[in-house]
């Protein structure tokens, strides 16, 4: 698989886009423009950005919204094909026009959410994302033309414009898939292991000052922090893109990722500000013989089938830490 000819053509296309360094200049201009626009909104800009990221949803919003134009425009393509074959195509034409319109509305919403996510990408992923967005814009333009032509009764021309738009959308969708599966954009980067399952010493209590500290617990990276007289432990990898939370800083009971500013509540692990949409794993803590010990708190209150150990561990957490009731 080392030879370039052995690689799928789609991978070759993505690799070519990744190597286009000239895309960085327009990328950063767009990003800076977005940042300025949101900053001008003041506190409302933070709420807008969090909404577009999907923090309120606990899941990135963009992938869900992309299903609207992709599904609607694929339905329109099928309806156009049926209209071309039907002796009385009026009903199919009306349905195709409606689905094209629905796809356009969904495309606008998906573009806004996608831009919010793309703003916090870098290097190769940023370049692929810019081409992805450009192709989506072209597809939206073609479908806008198709919709106008349908309104004017030029159904044959509308079908050709729609078919061209669908082809462009398909190419863009491939790049969108590459952003997720190859660059892991929108994927939770936090460690999902249940280790350590038992309390494990990770750091001498005297070594933990006022700044976050990184530690290893049976191969799992954790960040330790003091706040309000208590010691807290979270997974060290930011769920957004894996930034080291131990390199961040503390503010009002929260830890702030040094890469993109995501905020997480120390006591609950909950995400308080994006671009992350969910929190890192949380660990129970205790001090024994001068050593800080941690143990993973499962992210479930009722274990699904096959996860009896997780349920047992959760019950044990409640018995040993009665003040900590949230799993």
Protein backbone atom coordinates (compact mmCIF):
# COMPACT_ATOMS: atom_id res chain seq x y z
CA UNK A 1 0.00 0.00 0.00
CA UNK A 2 3.03 2.26 -0.05
CA UNK A 3 2.79 3.18 -3.73
CA UNK A 4 0.58 6.11 -4.54
CA UNK A 5 -1.16 4.10 -7.26
CA UNK A 6 -2.35 1.61 -4.65
CA UNK A 7 -4.28 4.30 -2.78
CA UNK A 8 -7.97 4.86 -3.55
CA UNK A 9 -8.55 7.85 -5.80
CA UNK A 10 -10.52 9.55 -3.06
CA UNK A 11 -7.54 9.37 -0.71
CA UNK A 12 -5.30 10.74 -3.44
CA UNK A 13 -7.68 13.65 -3.95
CA UNK A 14 -7.70 14.43 -0.22
CA UNK A 15 -3.90 14.23 -0.06
CA UNK A 16 -3.61 16.74 -2.92
CA UNK A 17 -5.93 19.16 -1.11
CA UNK A 18 -3.97 18.74 2.12
CA UNK A 19 -0.79 19.78 0.31
CA UNK A 20 -2.19 23.10 -0.94
CA UNK A 21 -0.49 25.54 1.40
CA UNK A 22 -1.88 28.54 -0.49
CA UNK A 23 -5.29 27.74 1.01
CA UNK A 24 -4.05 28.89 4.42
CA UNK A 25 -4.13 32.59 3.56
CA UNK A 26 -7.84 32.79 2.66
CA UNK A 27 -8.62 30.35 5.48
CA UNK A 28 -7.20 32.57 8.17
CA UNK A 29 -8.81 35.66 6.68
CA UNK A 30 -12.21 33.97 6.91
CA UNK A 31 -11.50 32.79 10.44
CA UNK A 32 -10.43 36.26 11.58
CA UNK A 33 -13.54 37.76 10.02
CA UNK A 34 -15.74 35.27 11.86
CA UNK A 35 -13.94 35.95 15.14
CA UNK A 36 -14.40 39.71 14.72
CA UNK A 37 -18.10 39.34 13.92
CA UNK A 38 -18.73 37.16 16.98
CA UNK A 39 -16.65 39.39 19.24
CA UNK A 40 -18.71 42.39 18.18
CA UNK A 41 -21.77 40.58 19.54
CA UNK A 42 -20.19 40.52 23.00
CA UNK A 43 -21.59 37.85 25.40
CA UNK A 44 -24.25 37.01 22.82
CA UNK A 45 -21.48 35.92 20.46
CA UNK A 46 -20.41 33.23 22.92
CA UNK A 47 -23.98 31.94 23.14
CA UNK A 48 -24.34 31.94 19.36
CA UNK A 49 -21.09 30.01 18.93
CA UNK A 50 -22.02 27.47 21.63
CA UNK A 51 -25.40 26.98 19.97
CA UNK A 52 -23.80 26.35 16.57
CA UNK A 53 -21.24 23.95 18.05
CA UNK A 54 -24.06 21.97 19.70
CA UNK A 55 -22.87 22.28 23.31
CA UNK A 56 -26.50 22.49 24.45
CA UNK A 57 -27.11 19.26 22.53
CA UNK A 58 -24.12 17.36 23.92
CA UNK A 59 -23.16 16.47 20.35
CA UNK A 60 -21.83 18.43 17.34
CA UNK A 61 -24.76 20.04 15.51
CA UNK A 62 -23.25 20.17 12.03
CA UNK A 63 -23.33 16.42 11.17
CA UNK A 64 -27.03 16.21 12.02
CA UNK A 65 -27.92 19.26 9.92
CA UNK A 66 -26.04 17.99 6.85
CA UNK A 67 -28.54 15.15 6.60
CA UNK A 68 -31.24 17.66 5.67
CA UNK A 69 -29.81 18.92 2.33
CA UNK A 70 -28.25 15.55 1.50
CA UNK A 71 -31.52 13.70 2.07
CA UNK A 72 -33.76 16.34 0.50
CA UNK A 73 -31.64 16.77 -2.61
CA UNK A 74 -31.29 13.01 -3.08
CA UNK A 75 -35.08 12.73 -2.86
CA UNK A 76 -35.39 15.53 -5.42
CA UNK A 77 -33.03 13.65 -7.77
CA UNK A 78 -35.23 10.56 -7.54
CA UNK A 79 -38.40 12.62 -8.03
CA UNK A 80 -36.87 14.32 -11.09
CA UNK A 81 -36.11 10.92 -12.57
CA UNK A 82 -39.67 9.78 -11.98
CA UNK A 83 -41.03 13.01 -13.45
CA UNK A 84 -38.96 12.53 -16.60
CA UNK A 85 -40.55 9.10 -17.11
CA UNK A 86 -44.09 9.81 -15.99
CA UNK A 87 -46.79 10.72 -18.56
CA UNK A 88 -48.19 13.24 -16.07
CA UNK A 89 -45.20 14.66 -14.17
CA UNK A 90 -46.93 17.57 -12.39
CA UNK A 91 -47.11 15.89 -8.98
CA UNK A 92 -43.48 14.77 -9.13
CA UNK A 93 -42.39 18.27 -10.20
CA UNK A 94 -44.23 19.86 -7.27
CA UNK A 95 -42.72 17.38 -4.81
CA UNK A 96 -39.22 17.91 -6.24
CA UNK A 97 -39.58 21.69 -5.92
CA UNK A 98 -40.62 21.33 -2.27
CA UNK A 99 -37.72 19.03 -1.41
CA UNK A 100 -35.20 21.30 -3.14
CA UNK A 101 -36.51 24.20 -1.04
CA UNK A 102 -36.24 22.17 2.16
CA UNK A 103 -32.69 21.23 1.23
CA UNK A 104 -31.75 24.88 0.71
CA UNK A 105 -33.03 25.80 4.16
CA UNK A 106 -31.11 22.91 5.68
CA UNK A 107 -27.97 23.83 3.74
CA UNK A 108 -27.92 27.32 5.26
CA UNK A 109 -28.25 25.94 8.79
CA UNK A 110 -25.59 23.28 8.16
CA UNK A 111 -23.21 25.89 6.71
CA UNK A 112 -23.45 28.10 9.79
CA UNK A 113 -22.77 25.19 12.14
CA UNK A 114 -19.99 23.91 9.89
CA UNK A 115 -18.25 27.28 9.81
CA UNK A 116 -18.35 27.45 13.61
CA UNK A 117 -16.64 24.04 13.83
CA UNK A 118 -14.19 24.75 10.99
CA UNK A 119 -13.00 27.91 12.78
CA UNK A 120 -11.17 25.72 15.30
CA UNK A 121 -9.43 23.38 12.86
CA UNK A 122 -5.80 23.60 11.75
CA UNK A 123 -3.39 22.79 8.93
CA UNK A 124 -4.49 19.91 6.69
CA UNK A 125 -7.96 19.63 8.19
CA UNK A 126 -8.49 23.37 7.69
CA UNK A 127 -7.55 23.08 4.01
CA UNK A 128 -9.87 20.14 3.42
CA UNK A 129 -12.61 21.96 5.31
CA UNK A 130 -12.25 25.06 3.13
CA UNK A 131 -12.62 23.03 -0.08
CA UNK A 132 -15.52 21.14 1.51
CA UNK A 133 -17.25 24.45 2.26
CA UNK A 134 -16.52 25.80 -1.23
CA UNK A 135 -18.08 22.76 -2.87
CA UNK A 136 -21.09 23.00 -0.58
CA UNK A 137 -21.50 26.64 -1.58
CA UNK A 138 -21.36 25.66 -5.26
CA UNK A 139 -23.93 22.91 -4.72
CA UNK A 140 -26.20 25.33 -2.88
CA UNK A 141 -25.84 27.82 -5.74
CA UNK A 142 -26.81 25.19 -8.31
CA UNK A 143 -29.83 24.11 -6.28
CA UNK A 144 -30.84 27.74 -5.81
CA UNK A 145 -30.79 28.08 -9.60
CA UNK A 146 -32.75 24.85 -9.89
CA UNK A 147 -35.37 26.09 -7.44
CA UNK A 148 -35.81 29.39 -9.32
CA UNK A 149 -36.16 27.53 -12.62
CA UNK A 150 -38.79 25.25 -11.09
CA UNK A 151 -40.73 28.28 -9.94
CA UNK A 152 -40.67 29.57 -13.51
CA UNK A 153 -41.82 26.25 -14.93
CA UNK A 154 -38.51 25.45 -16.65
CA UNK A 155 -38.49 21.94 -15.20
CA UNK A 156 -36.08 20.40 -17.71
CA UNK A 157 -33.36 22.98 -17.04
CA UNK A 158 -34.06 22.70 -13.31
CA UNK A 159 -33.42 18.97 -13.41
CA UNK A 160 -30.04 19.45 -15.07
CA UNK A 161 -29.05 22.10 -12.53
CA UNK A 162 -30.19 19.81 -9.72
CA UNK A 163 -28.25 16.84 -11.10
CA UNK A 164 -25.10 18.96 -11.30
CA UNK A 165 -25.69 20.19 -7.75
CA UNK A 166 -26.09 16.63 -6.49
CA UNK A 167 -22.77 15.59 -8.08
CA UNK A 168 -20.97 18.51 -6.43
CA UNK A 169 -22.65 17.70 -3.10
CA UNK A 170 -21.51 14.08 -3.35
CA UNK A 171 -17.88 15.16 -3.81
CA UNK A 172 -18.20 17.54 -0.88
CA UNK A 173 -19.72 14.81 1.27
CA UNK A 174 -16.66 12.64 0.64
CA UNK A 175 -14.46 15.43 1.98
CA UNK A 176 -16.80 15.81 4.96
CA UNK A 177 -16.38 12.13 5.72
CA UNK A 178 -12.61 12.54 5.47
CA UNK A 179 -12.73 15.34 8.04
CA UNK A 180 -14.44 12.99 10.48
CA UNK A 181 -12.71 9.66 9.83
CA UNK A 182 -9.28 10.88 8.78
CA UNK A 183 -8.87 14.10 10.76
CA UNK A 184 -11.27 13.21 13.59
CA UNK A 185 -13.08 16.55 13.52
CA UNK A 186 -16.22 16.33 15.62
CA UNK A 187 -15.03 13.12 17.29
CA UNK A 188 -14.70 12.87 21.08
CA UNK A 189 -10.93 12.84 21.79
CA UNK A 190 -11.18 12.07 25.50
CA UNK A 191 -10.06 8.73 26.93
CA UNK A 192 -13.05 6.41 27.33
CA UNK A 193 -11.29 3.68 29.29
CA UNK A 194 -12.72 2.78 32.70
CA UNK A 195 -9.22 2.55 34.16
CA UNK A 196 -8.20 2.80 36.86
CA UNK A 197 -10.97 0.65 38.30
CA UNK A 198 -9.46 0.79 41.80
CA UNK A 199 -8.04 3.76 43.68
CA UNK A 200 -4.52 4.32 42.38
CA UNK A 201 -1.83 6.68 43.79
CA UNK A 202 -0.84 9.27 41.21
CA UNK A 203 0.80 12.21 43.00
CA UNK A 204 1.99 13.32 46.42
CA UNK A 205 -0.51 15.78 47.89
CA UNK A 206 2.27 18.26 48.62
CA UNK A 207 3.15 18.41 44.92
CA UNK A 208 -0.27 19.73 43.92
CA UNK A 209 -0.29 23.50 44.20
CA UNK A 210 -2.65 26.07 42.75
CA UNK A 211 -2.00 25.12 39.13
CA UNK A 212 -3.32 22.01 37.33
CA UNK A 213 -1.00 19.00 37.32
CA UNK A 214 -0.85 16.10 34.91
CA UNK A 215 -0.54 12.56 36.25
CA UNK A 216 -0.73 8.99 34.99
CA UNK A 217 -3.16 6.48 36.44
CA UNK A 218 -2.43 3.03 34.99
CA UNK A 219 -1.74 4.48 31.58
CA UNK A 220 -4.59 6.99 31.65
CA UNK A 221 -3.67 10.68 31.62
CA UNK A 222 -5.52 12.73 34.25
CA UNK A 223 -5.39 16.37 35.31
CA UNK A 224 -5.50 17.17 39.03
CA UNK A 225 -6.65 20.53 40.37
CA UNK A 226 -7.46 22.14 43.70
CA UNK A 227 -10.53 24.34 44.04
CA UNK A 228 -12.53 25.39 47.08
CA UNK A 229 -10.49 23.19 49.40
CA UNK A 230 -11.17 20.04 47.35
CA UNK A 231 -9.10 18.02 44.91
CA UNK A 232 -10.64 17.16 41.55
CA UNK A 233 -9.52 14.91 38.72
CA UNK A 234 -10.61 14.85 35.09
CA UNK A 235 -9.29 13.21 31.95
CA UNK A 236 -6.40 15.29 30.63
CA UNK A 237 -7.42 15.18 26.96
CA UNK A 238 -9.95 17.83 25.90
CA UNK A 239 -12.85 16.10 24.11
CA UNK A 240 -12.72 18.69 21.31
CA UNK A 241 -9.31 18.00 19.73
CA UNK A 242 -7.35 16.39 22.56
CA UNK A 243 -5.75 19.53 23.98
CA UNK A 244 -3.85 19.00 27.29
CA UNK A 245 -6.10 20.39 30.03
CA UNK A 246 -3.16 20.24 32.45
CA UNK A 247 -1.59 23.07 30.42
CA UNK A 248 -4.70 25.20 30.86
CA UNK A 249 -5.71 27.39 33.78
CA UNK A 250 -8.39 27.49 36.46
CA UNK A 251 -11.18 30.03 36.76
CA UNK A 252 -14.23 29.96 39.06
CA UNK A 253 -14.22 26.22 39.57
CA UNK A 254 -13.60 25.49 35.90
CA UNK A 255 -10.59 24.36 33.90
CA UNK A 256 -10.00 26.03 30.53
CA UNK A 257 -8.42 24.20 27.60
CA UNK A 258 -5.29 26.04 26.39
CA UNK A 259 -5.96 25.25 22.73
CA UNK A 260 -9.43 26.60 22.00
CA UNK A 261 -10.85 27.82 25.30
CA UNK A 262 -13.37 25.07 26.07
CA UNK A 263 -14.40 25.22 29.73
CA UNK A 264 -15.18 22.27 31.99
CA UNK A 265 -16.65 22.20 35.49
CA UNK A 266 -14.17 20.59 37.86
CA UNK A 267 -16.83 19.11 40.12
CA UNK A 268 -19.05 17.57 37.45
CA UNK A 269 -16.89 17.45 34.33
CA UNK A 270 -19.68 19.17 32.40
CA UNK A 271 -18.77 21.32 29.41
CA UNK A 272 -19.59 24.97 30.14
CA UNK A 273 -18.30 26.53 26.92
CA UNK A 274 -17.41 25.22 23.47
CA UNK A 275 -16.09 24.39 21.00
CA UNK A 276 -16.22 21.12 22.93
CA UNK A 277 -19.74 19.71 23.19
CA UNK A 278 -19.24 17.22 26.02
CA UNK A 279 -17.04 16.88 29.08
CA UNK A 280 -13.98 14.72 29.78
CA UNK A 281 -14.09 11.61 32.00
CA UNK A 282 -14.30 12.26 35.74
CA UNK A 283 -12.40 10.54 38.54
CA UNK A 284 -13.13 10.08 42.23
CA UNK A 285 -10.27 11.33 44.42
CA UNK A 286 -9.02 10.69 47.94
CA UNK A 287 -5.83 11.26 49.92
CA UNK A 288 -4.19 8.29 51.64
CA UNK A 289 -0.79 8.37 53.35
CA UNK A 290 0.00 11.70 51.71
CA UNK A 291 -0.76 10.41 48.22
CA UNK A 292 -3.58 11.57 45.95
CA UNK A 293 -5.42 8.53 44.65
CA UNK A 294 -7.91 8.49 41.77
CA UNK A 295 -10.42 6.05 40.35
CA UNK A 296 -12.54 6.31 37.23
CA UNK A 297 -16.19 7.24 37.67
CA UNK A 298 -18.22 5.48 34.96
CA UNK A 299 -20.28 7.84 32.79
CA UNK A 300 -23.46 5.82 33.45
CA UNK A 301 -25.98 5.66 36.29
CA UNK A 302 -27.44 2.35 35.15
CA UNK A 303 -25.16 -0.11 33.46
CA UNK A 304 -26.24 -1.40 30.04
CA UNK A 305 -26.05 -5.18 29.39
CA UNK A 306 -22.56 -6.52 29.98
CA UNK A 307 -21.46 -3.59 32.11
CA UNK A 308 -22.07 -5.01 35.58
CA UNK A 309 -18.63 -3.88 36.71
CA UNK A 310 -19.47 -0.29 35.78
CA UNK A 311 -22.62 -0.41 37.88
CA UNK A 312 -20.78 -1.95 40.83
CA UNK A 313 -18.09 0.69 40.61
CA UNK A 314 -20.69 3.48 40.54
CA UNK A 315 -22.41 2.14 43.67
CA UNK A 316 -19.06 1.91 45.42
CA UNK A 317 -18.33 5.54 44.46
CA UNK A 318 -21.54 6.66 46.16
CA UNK A 319 -20.67 4.77 49.33
CA UNK A 320 -17.16 6.20 49.55
CA UNK A 321 -17.94 9.73 48.35
CA UNK A 322 -21.42 10.60 49.69
CA UNK A 323 -20.99 14.24 48.76
CA UNK A 324 -20.49 13.37 45.11
CA UNK A 325 -23.80 12.13 43.76
CA UNK A 326 -23.37 12.64 40.05
CA UNK A 327 -21.81 9.79 38.03
